[in-house]
Amino acid sequence: MTSGAIETRRAAPLPEGRPDDGRLNPAKVALGLAGMAVVAWLVTNLFLAFAYYPNWFANSKVIIGVLAVVAGVGGAMAFFYMLHMFVDGLPRRLSGGVIPYAFLLPGFSLIGLMLLYPTIQTVVYSFANKDSTAWVGFDNYRAIFTDGTFWDSILNNVLWLLIVPAVTVALGVVVAVLADRLSAQGEKIVKSAVFLPMAISFVGASAIWGLVYEYQDKTRSQTGLLNALVRALGGDPQTWLQVSTARLNSVLLMVILVWLQVGFSMVLLSSAIKGVPDDTLEAARIDGASELQIFWKVIIPQVKGTIITVFITVLITVLKVFDIVYVLTNGNYKTNVIANLFFNKMFADSEAGIASSIVVILLLAILPVLMYQVKQFRDAEANR
């Protein structure tokens, strides 16, 4: 062994607070394990008390909220402190191999508890009756696949998927390109105005657009913006959200989601477009390319990855769309979607089995999209 290797081994730092021999420290291991168990027990029971015994906290949401933040953050700090003590008490060789997994385990456990367990439970309940007390096999799936309302919801979801992501991305690109040609102050104002709806909840946006689509009797003045414009142009006011011809009412609901998501699309695409190297644009202009050709053949190919990311993100949002439909029509007049159908089956009709089956179908529909998004992300990272 060379002297350099010997010096390197001697210079290797020891974990802080570890004995030089790196042997097991039973006191630290025991104290760490006991501390983790006590902290987990205390925090869990405190949160259960928030839910089941709010009178202990004067039925005050403020008090419960403050205590939840303090207990959540403080409990996490105490738990990881005890976890570090436990790992630190292990033999040095074992400690070095265990510590990454030890600190990842609580997070993965929480994900499993909050996401994986409910998913598995939902799949299991999809094979049970309406109150989950007896197995019914595939009866729930047969029921929904022979239900016209389900297929009507599927059709509407397909229309949302075909229209909303494409229009959102297209408008985002257009706004991003045009805004970049304005002055610095003008660009800030336009982008702020377009992005502003992102700060509004889906329910709030639905209430706003409900006023836009508002209908009053023909003998009265129209308070809804759309009907006021129609009347000003000599037309008759309509109950727009009840007009199912060519799925017009569904399209009007889609407008709301597009309005909410264009700002998100614009911000990401504008950043990507600004990242296109100027030398490639100048080279295209020197070669005689028009601005339109530069846009389609130079800019778009270089921001393709961002376009796909935005498209898929909006696509996933569309697959889960619920609030807008629930607030404005509750699925009536042929506007129902899968998420709203699930909600009504679960909470209005008390059909837990059928509702679970609908969720499983929605999950299966989303999985290929998620897998494609992960693949695109990995390919992008590999090509960097």
Protein backbone atom coordinates (compact mmCIF):
# COMPACT_ATOMS: atom_id res chain seq x y z
CA MET A 1 0.00 0.00 0.00
CA THR A 2 1.46 3.42 -0.94
CA SER A 3 2.04 6.19 1.56
CA GLY A 4 -0.56 8.34 -0.27
CA ALA A 5 -3.22 5.67 0.21
CA ILE A 6 -2.29 5.37 3.89
CA GLU A 7 -2.61 9.14 4.36
CA THR A 8 -5.96 9.11 2.54
CA ARG A 9 -7.31 6.43 4.84
CA ARG A 10 -6.05 8.27 7.89
CA ALA A 11 -7.60 11.53 6.67
CA ALA A 12 -11.07 10.04 6.22
CA PRO A 13 -13.34 12.00 8.60
CA LEU A 14 -15.27 10.19 11.27
CA PRO A 15 -18.98 10.87 11.67
CA GLU A 16 -19.56 13.56 14.24
CA GLY A 17 -19.94 12.19 17.74
CA ARG A 18 -18.95 8.65 16.74
CA PRO A 19 -16.39 6.71 18.81
CA ASP A 20 -13.15 6.01 16.97
CA ASP A 21 -13.70 2.25 17.06
CA GLY A 22 -17.10 2.59 15.34
CA ARG A 23 -18.73 -0.06 17.51
CA LEU A 24 -22.42 -0.38 18.31
CA ASN A 25 -23.71 2.11 20.87
CA PRO A 26 -26.72 0.35 22.43
CA ALA A 27 -27.79 3.40 24.44
CA LYS A 28 -28.06 5.61 21.35
CA VAL A 29 -29.86 2.92 19.36
CA ALA A 30 -32.38 2.29 22.14
CA LEU A 31 -32.93 5.99 22.85
CA GLY A 32 -33.35 6.73 19.14
CA LEU A 33 -35.89 3.95 18.64
CA ALA A 34 -37.85 4.91 21.75
CA GLY A 35 -37.77 8.60 20.78
CA MET A 36 -39.10 7.90 17.28
CA ALA A 37 -41.91 5.75 18.68
CA VAL A 38 -42.90 8.38 21.27
CA VAL A 39 -42.83 11.27 18.78
CA ALA A 40 -44.87 9.31 16.22
CA TRP A 41 -47.41 8.30 18.87
CA LEU A 42 -47.80 11.82 20.23
CA VAL A 43 -48.15 13.52 16.83
CA THR A 44 -50.57 10.88 15.51
CA ASN A 45 -52.81 11.08 18.54
CA LEU A 46 -52.74 14.87 18.53
CA PHE A 47 -53.96 14.97 14.94
CA LEU A 48 -56.63 12.38 15.72
CA ALA A 49 -57.74 14.61 18.58
CA PHE A 50 -58.05 17.52 16.15
CA ALA A 51 -60.48 15.46 14.08
CA TYR A 52 -62.51 13.65 16.76
CA TYR A 53 -62.33 15.97 19.77
CA PRO A 54 -62.27 19.57 18.52
CA ASN A 55 -64.01 20.63 21.74
CA TRP A 56 -60.70 20.02 23.53
CA PHE A 57 -59.41 23.01 21.58
CA ALA A 58 -62.45 25.26 22.13
CA ASN A 59 -63.74 24.26 18.67
CA SER A 60 -61.40 26.93 17.32
CA LYS A 61 -60.03 26.33 13.83
CA VAL A 62 -57.37 28.95 14.50
CA ILE A 63 -56.07 27.12 17.56
CA ILE A 64 -56.19 23.78 15.76
CA GLY A 65 -54.39 25.24 12.75
CA VAL A 66 -51.61 26.78 14.82
CA LEU A 67 -51.15 23.62 16.86
CA ALA A 68 -51.14 21.52 13.68
CA VAL A 69 -48.32 23.60 12.19
CA VAL A 70 -46.30 23.56 15.41
CA ALA A 71 -46.85 19.84 16.00
CA GLY A 72 -46.23 18.94 12.37
CA VAL A 73 -43.00 20.89 11.96
CA GLY A 74 -41.76 20.27 15.50
CA GLY A 75 -42.70 16.61 15.36
CA ALA A 76 -40.84 16.15 12.08
CA MET A 77 -37.73 17.80 13.52
CA ALA A 78 -37.88 15.68 16.68
CA PHE A 79 -38.48 12.48 14.69
CA PHE A 80 -35.50 13.05 12.40
CA TYR A 81 -33.32 14.01 15.37
CA MET A 82 -34.15 10.69 17.01
CA LEU A 83 -33.67 8.89 13.71
CA HIS A 84 -30.21 10.43 13.38
CA MET A 85 -29.41 9.34 16.93
CA PHE A 86 -30.49 5.77 16.11
CA VAL A 87 -28.36 5.61 12.96
CA ASP A 88 -25.44 7.25 14.71
CA GLY A 89 -25.49 4.49 17.33
CA LEU A 90 -25.04 1.73 14.77
CA PRO A 91 -21.60 0.34 13.87
CA ARG A 92 -19.79 2.69 11.51
CA ARG A 93 -19.86 0.39 8.49
CA LEU A 94 -23.58 -0.31 8.89
CA SER A 95 -24.38 3.33 9.65
CA GLY A 96 -22.80 4.57 6.42
CA GLY A 97 -24.90 2.19 4.34
CA VAL A 98 -28.15 2.69 6.23
CA ILE A 99 -28.29 6.46 6.62
CA PRO A 100 -29.56 7.38 3.09
CA TYR A 101 -32.39 4.85 3.34
CA ALA A 102 -33.18 5.82 6.92
CA PHE A 103 -33.86 9.43 6.00
CA LEU A 104 -35.82 8.48 2.86
CA LEU A 105 -37.95 5.88 4.62
CA PRO A 106 -40.25 8.31 6.52
CA GLY A 107 -41.06 10.19 3.32
CA PHE A 108 -41.74 7.02 1.36
CA SER A 109 -43.80 5.67 4.23
CA LEU A 110 -45.94 8.82 4.20
CA ILE A 111 -46.38 8.56 0.44
CA GLY A 112 -47.40 4.93 0.85
CA LEU A 113 -49.88 5.81 3.59
CA MET A 114 -51.43 8.77 1.80
CA LEU A 115 -51.28 7.59 -1.83
CA LEU A 116 -50.56 3.90 -2.31
CA TYR A 117 -52.78 2.54 0.45
CA PRO A 118 -55.90 4.49 -0.66
CA THR A 119 -55.23 3.44 -4.26
CA ILE A 120 -55.07 -0.23 -3.34
CA GLN A 121 -58.12 0.16 -1.11
CA THR A 122 -60.07 1.80 -3.94
CA VAL A 123 -59.23 -1.05 -6.32
CA VAL A 124 -60.39 -3.56 -3.69
CA TYR A 125 -63.63 -1.65 -3.02
CA SER A 126 -64.40 -1.59 -6.74
CA PHE A 127 -65.20 -5.30 -6.42
CA ALA A 128 -67.53 -4.79 -3.44
CA ASN A 129 -71.15 -3.71 -3.08
CA LYS A 130 -72.37 -0.19 -2.44
CA ASP A 131 -71.49 -0.20 1.27
CA SER A 132 -68.35 -2.37 0.88
CA THR A 133 -69.72 -5.23 2.98
CA ALA A 134 -69.82 -8.01 0.36
CA TRP A 135 -67.97 -8.99 -2.79
CA VAL A 136 -69.80 -8.62 -6.10
CA GLY A 137 -67.01 -9.47 -8.53
CA PHE A 138 -67.13 -7.49 -11.76
CA ASP A 139 -70.76 -6.42 -11.32
CA ASN A 140 -69.79 -2.80 -10.72
CA TYR A 141 -67.79 -2.68 -13.94
CA ARG A 142 -70.62 -4.30 -15.87
CA ALA A 143 -73.01 -1.73 -14.44
CA ILE A 144 -70.98 1.30 -15.48
CA PHE A 145 -70.08 -0.08 -18.92
CA THR A 146 -73.78 -0.60 -19.66
CA ASP A 147 -74.75 2.82 -18.30
CA GLY A 148 -75.40 5.50 -20.92
CA THR A 149 -74.43 8.24 -18.47
CA PHE A 150 -70.96 6.73 -18.15
CA TRP A 151 -70.40 6.72 -21.90
CA ASP A 152 -71.76 10.24 -22.15
CA SER A 153 -69.18 11.28 -19.54
CA ILE A 154 -66.45 9.46 -21.44
CA LEU A 155 -67.39 11.33 -24.62
CA ASN A 156 -67.25 14.64 -22.79
CA ASN A 157 -63.88 13.79 -21.28
CA VAL A 158 -62.55 12.93 -24.73
CA LEU A 159 -63.76 16.28 -26.06
CA TRP A 160 -62.09 18.07 -23.14
CA LEU A 161 -58.88 16.14 -23.86
CA LEU A 162 -58.93 16.99 -27.55
CA ILE A 163 -59.72 20.67 -27.17
CA VAL A 164 -58.41 22.11 -23.91
CA PRO A 165 -54.70 21.04 -23.92
CA ALA A 166 -54.24 21.90 -27.60
CA VAL A 167 -55.92 25.31 -27.33
CA THR A 168 -54.11 26.11 -24.08
CA VAL A 169 -50.68 25.32 -25.53
CA ALA A 170 -51.45 27.15 -28.79
CA LEU A 171 -52.60 30.29 -27.01
CA GLY A 172 -49.67 30.08 -24.61
CA VAL A 173 -47.21 29.99 -27.51
CA VAL A 174 -48.94 32.87 -29.30
CA VAL A 175 -49.05 35.07 -26.19
CA ALA A 176 -45.45 34.24 -25.30
CA VAL A 177 -44.15 35.11 -28.78
CA LEU A 178 -46.17 38.30 -29.14
CA ALA A 179 -45.45 39.51 -25.60
CA ASP A 180 -41.71 39.06 -26.18
CA ARG A 181 -41.93 41.62 -29.00
CA LEU A 182 -43.28 44.32 -26.68
CA SER A 183 -41.26 46.73 -24.60
CA ALA A 184 -40.01 45.45 -21.26
CA GLN A 185 -42.79 47.27 -19.39
CA GLY A 186 -45.45 46.21 -21.89
CA GLU A 187 -44.31 42.59 -21.65
CA LYS A 188 -44.61 42.65 -17.86
CA ILE A 189 -48.12 44.12 -17.99
CA VAL A 190 -49.43 41.70 -20.61
CA LYS A 191 -47.91 38.63 -18.97
CA SER A 192 -49.18 39.66 -15.54
CA ALA A 193 -52.70 40.12 -16.92
CA VAL A 194 -52.65 36.74 -18.68
CA PHE A 195 -51.18 34.95 -15.67
CA LEU A 196 -53.56 36.55 -13.16
CA PRO A 197 -56.35 33.92 -13.52
CA MET A 198 -53.91 31.29 -12.20
CA ALA A 199 -54.40 32.86 -8.78
CA ILE A 200 -58.14 32.10 -8.89
CA SER A 201 -59.52 28.77 -7.75
CA PHE A 202 -61.58 26.64 -10.12
CA VAL A 203 -64.68 27.32 -8.03
CA GLY A 204 -64.02 31.07 -8.06
CA ALA A 205 -63.46 31.05 -11.81
CA SER A 206 -66.69 29.10 -12.28
CA ALA A 207 -68.60 31.70 -10.27
CA ILE A 208 -67.10 34.50 -12.40
CA TRP A 209 -67.95 32.82 -15.68
CA GLY A 210 -71.37 31.90 -14.35
CA LEU A 211 -72.05 35.63 -14.34
CA VAL A 212 -70.77 35.86 -17.93
CA TYR A 213 -73.19 33.13 -19.06
CA GLU A 214 -76.07 34.39 -16.87
CA TYR A 215 -79.52 34.34 -18.47
CA GLN A 216 -82.48 36.57 -17.66
CA ASP A 217 -85.97 36.44 -19.07
CA LYS A 218 -86.22 38.09 -22.48
CA THR A 219 -88.45 40.83 -21.04
CA ARG A 220 -85.72 41.89 -18.61
CA SER A 221 -82.32 43.46 -19.14
CA GLN A 222 -79.53 40.90 -19.40
CA THR A 223 -76.98 40.92 -16.58
CA GLY A 224 -74.86 38.22 -18.20
CA LEU A 225 -72.08 39.65 -20.37
CA LEU A 226 -72.54 37.14 -23.19
CA ASN A 227 -76.30 37.60 -23.44
CA ALA A 228 -75.90 41.38 -23.18
CA LEU A 229 -73.58 41.30 -26.21
CA VAL A 230 -75.95 39.01 -28.11
CA ARG A 231 -78.88 41.32 -27.44
CA ALA A 232 -76.83 44.39 -28.41
CA LEU A 233 -76.12 42.69 -31.73
CA GLY A 234 -79.83 42.05 -32.28
CA GLY A 235 -79.97 38.41 -31.18
CA ASP A 236 -82.01 36.62 -28.54
CA PRO A 237 -80.49 35.72 -25.15
CA GLN A 238 -79.87 32.03 -24.55
CA THR A 239 -79.51 29.74 -21.57
CA TRP A 240 -76.04 28.94 -22.78
CA LEU A 241 -75.20 26.24 -20.26
CA GLN A 242 -78.31 24.29 -21.27
CA VAL A 243 -77.58 24.33 -25.01
CA SER A 244 -76.22 20.84 -25.68
CA THR A 245 -76.36 21.12 -29.47
CA ALA A 246 -72.87 20.29 -30.79
CA ARG A 247 -71.87 20.16 -27.10
CA LEU A 248 -71.85 23.97 -27.00
CA ASN A 249 -72.35 24.06 -23.25
CA SER A 250 -69.37 21.77 -22.72
CA VAL A 251 -67.26 23.99 -24.95
CA LEU A 252 -68.28 27.01 -22.89
CA LEU A 253 -67.13 25.17 -19.76
CA MET A 254 -63.83 24.37 -21.48
CA VAL A 255 -63.29 28.08 -22.08
CA ILE A 256 -63.04 28.54 -18.32
CA LEU A 257 -60.25 25.99 -17.92
CA VAL A 258 -58.38 27.42 -20.92
CA TRP A 259 -58.66 30.88 -19.36
CA LEU A 260 -57.18 29.52 -16.13
CA GLN A 261 -54.32 27.57 -17.71
CA VAL A 262 -53.11 29.87 -20.50
CA GLY A 263 -51.03 31.85 -18.02
CA PHE A 264 -49.25 28.70 -16.84
CA SER A 265 -48.59 27.69 -20.44
CA MET A 266 -47.38 31.16 -21.38
CA VAL A 267 -44.86 31.43 -18.52
CA LEU A 268 -43.15 28.11 -19.25
CA LEU A 269 -43.17 28.56 -23.03
CA SER A 270 -41.96 32.15 -22.81
CA SER A 271 -39.01 31.00 -20.71
CA ALA A 272 -38.23 28.26 -23.24
CA ILE A 273 -38.48 30.65 -26.19
CA LYS A 274 -36.15 33.15 -24.50
CA GLY A 275 -33.70 30.26 -24.11
CA VAL A 276 -33.43 29.73 -27.88
CA PRO A 277 -29.88 30.84 -28.86
CA ASP A 278 -29.79 34.13 -30.77
CA ASP A 279 -27.12 32.83 -33.14
CA THR A 280 -29.52 30.20 -34.55
CA LEU A 281 -32.14 32.89 -35.17
CA GLU A 282 -29.60 35.19 -36.82
CA ALA A 283 -28.30 32.33 -38.96
CA ALA A 284 -31.85 31.61 -40.16
CA ARG A 285 -32.40 35.29 -41.02
CA ILE A 286 -29.11 35.44 -42.92
CA ASP A 287 -30.23 32.39 -44.91
CA GLY A 288 -33.34 34.36 -45.92
CA ALA A 289 -35.92 32.66 -43.72
CA SER A 290 -39.07 34.65 -42.98
CA GLU A 291 -40.21 35.26 -39.41
CA LEU A 292 -42.93 32.64 -39.87
CA GLN A 293 -40.40 30.09 -41.10
CA ILE A 294 -38.11 30.92 -38.17
CA PHE A 295 -41.00 30.38 -35.80
CA TRP A 296 -42.03 26.97 -37.18
CA LYS A 297 -38.64 25.57 -38.20
CA VAL A 298 -36.26 27.04 -35.63
CA ILE A 299 -38.10 28.09 -32.46
CA ILE A 300 -40.76 25.37 -32.22
CA PRO A 301 -38.35 22.42 -32.62
CA GLN A 302 -36.11 23.85 -29.88
CA VAL A 303 -38.96 24.29 -27.39
CA LYS A 304 -40.64 20.99 -28.28
CA GLY A 305 -39.77 19.44 -24.90
CA THR A 306 -41.42 22.30 -23.01
CA ILE A 307 -44.48 22.12 -25.26
CA ILE A 308 -44.86 18.41 -24.49
CA THR A 309 -44.44 19.02 -20.75
CA VAL A 310 -47.08 21.77 -20.72
CA PHE A 311 -49.42 19.69 -22.89
CA ILE A 312 -49.19 16.65 -20.63
CA THR A 313 -49.59 18.74 -17.46
CA VAL A 314 -52.77 20.34 -18.80
CA LEU A 315 -53.90 16.94 -20.06
CA ILE A 316 -53.69 15.47 -16.55
CA THR A 317 -55.59 18.47 -15.18
CA VAL A 318 -58.32 17.91 -17.77
CA LEU A 319 -58.63 14.23 -16.89
CA LYS A 320 -59.37 15.26 -13.29
CA VAL A 321 -61.63 18.23 -14.10
CA PHE A 322 -64.50 18.41 -11.65
CA ASP A 323 -65.03 21.79 -9.99
CA ILE A 324 -66.12 23.71 -13.09
CA VAL A 325 -68.71 21.13 -14.13
CA TYR A 326 -70.00 20.62 -10.60
CA VAL A 327 -70.46 24.33 -9.86
CA LEU A 328 -72.12 25.36 -13.12
CA THR A 329 -74.18 22.35 -14.29
CA ASN A 330 -73.52 19.41 -11.93
CA GLY A 331 -73.27 17.27 -15.04
CA ASN A 332 -76.74 18.12 -16.34
CA TYR A 333 -77.54 18.95 -19.97
CA LYS A 334 -75.01 16.40 -21.26
CA THR A 335 -72.01 18.08 -19.61
CA ASN A 336 -71.07 15.31 -17.18
CA VAL A 337 -67.45 14.18 -16.85
CA ILE A 338 -65.88 11.19 -15.12
CA ALA A 339 -64.82 13.01 -11.93
CA ASN A 340 -68.27 14.54 -11.44
CA LEU A 341 -69.93 11.19 -12.15
CA PHE A 342 -67.76 9.63 -9.43
CA PHE A 343 -68.68 12.38 -6.96
CA ASN A 344 -72.41 11.94 -7.54
CA LYS A 345 -72.22 8.16 -7.32
CA MET A 346 -70.18 8.32 -4.11
CA PHE A 347 -71.87 11.10 -2.17
CA ALA A 348 -75.31 11.59 -3.74
CA ASP A 349 -76.22 7.98 -4.57
CA SER A 350 -74.08 6.29 -1.85
CA GLU A 351 -72.78 3.76 -4.38
CA ALA A 352 -69.25 3.25 -3.08
CA GLY A 353 -68.58 0.19 -5.24
CA ILE A 354 -69.55 1.83 -8.53
CA ALA A 355 -67.78 5.05 -7.53
CA SER A 356 -64.59 3.08 -6.85
CA SER A 357 -64.87 1.39 -10.23
CA ILE A 358 -65.10 4.78 -11.93
CA VAL A 359 -61.98 5.96 -10.10
CA VAL A 360 -60.09 2.83 -11.14
CA ILE A 361 -60.99 3.49 -14.78
CA LEU A 362 -59.85 7.10 -14.43
CA LEU A 363 -56.60 5.91 -12.85
CA LEU A 364 -55.98 3.50 -15.73
CA ALA A 365 -56.61 6.34 -18.19
CA ILE A 366 -54.06 8.59 -16.48
CA LEU A 367 -51.30 5.99 -16.04
CA PRO A 368 -50.15 5.89 -19.72
CA VAL A 369 -49.94 9.68 -19.73
CA LEU A 370 -47.82 9.67 -16.57
CA MET A 371 -45.56 6.95 -17.95
CA TYR A 372 -45.05 8.93 -21.16
CA GLN A 373 -44.25 12.07 -19.17
CA VAL A 374 -41.64 10.21 -17.09
CA LYS A 375 -40.11 8.79 -20.29
CA GLN A 376 -39.92 12.25 -21.86
CA PHE A 377 -38.29 13.64 -18.74
CA ARG A 378 -35.68 10.86 -18.68
CA ASP A 379 -34.94 11.32 -22.38
CA ALA A 380 -34.53 15.06 -21.87
CA GLU A 381 -32.17 14.49 -18.95
CA ALA A 382 -30.15 11.94 -20.94
CA ASN A 383 -29.73 14.37 -23.87
CA ARG A 384 -28.42 17.23 -21.71
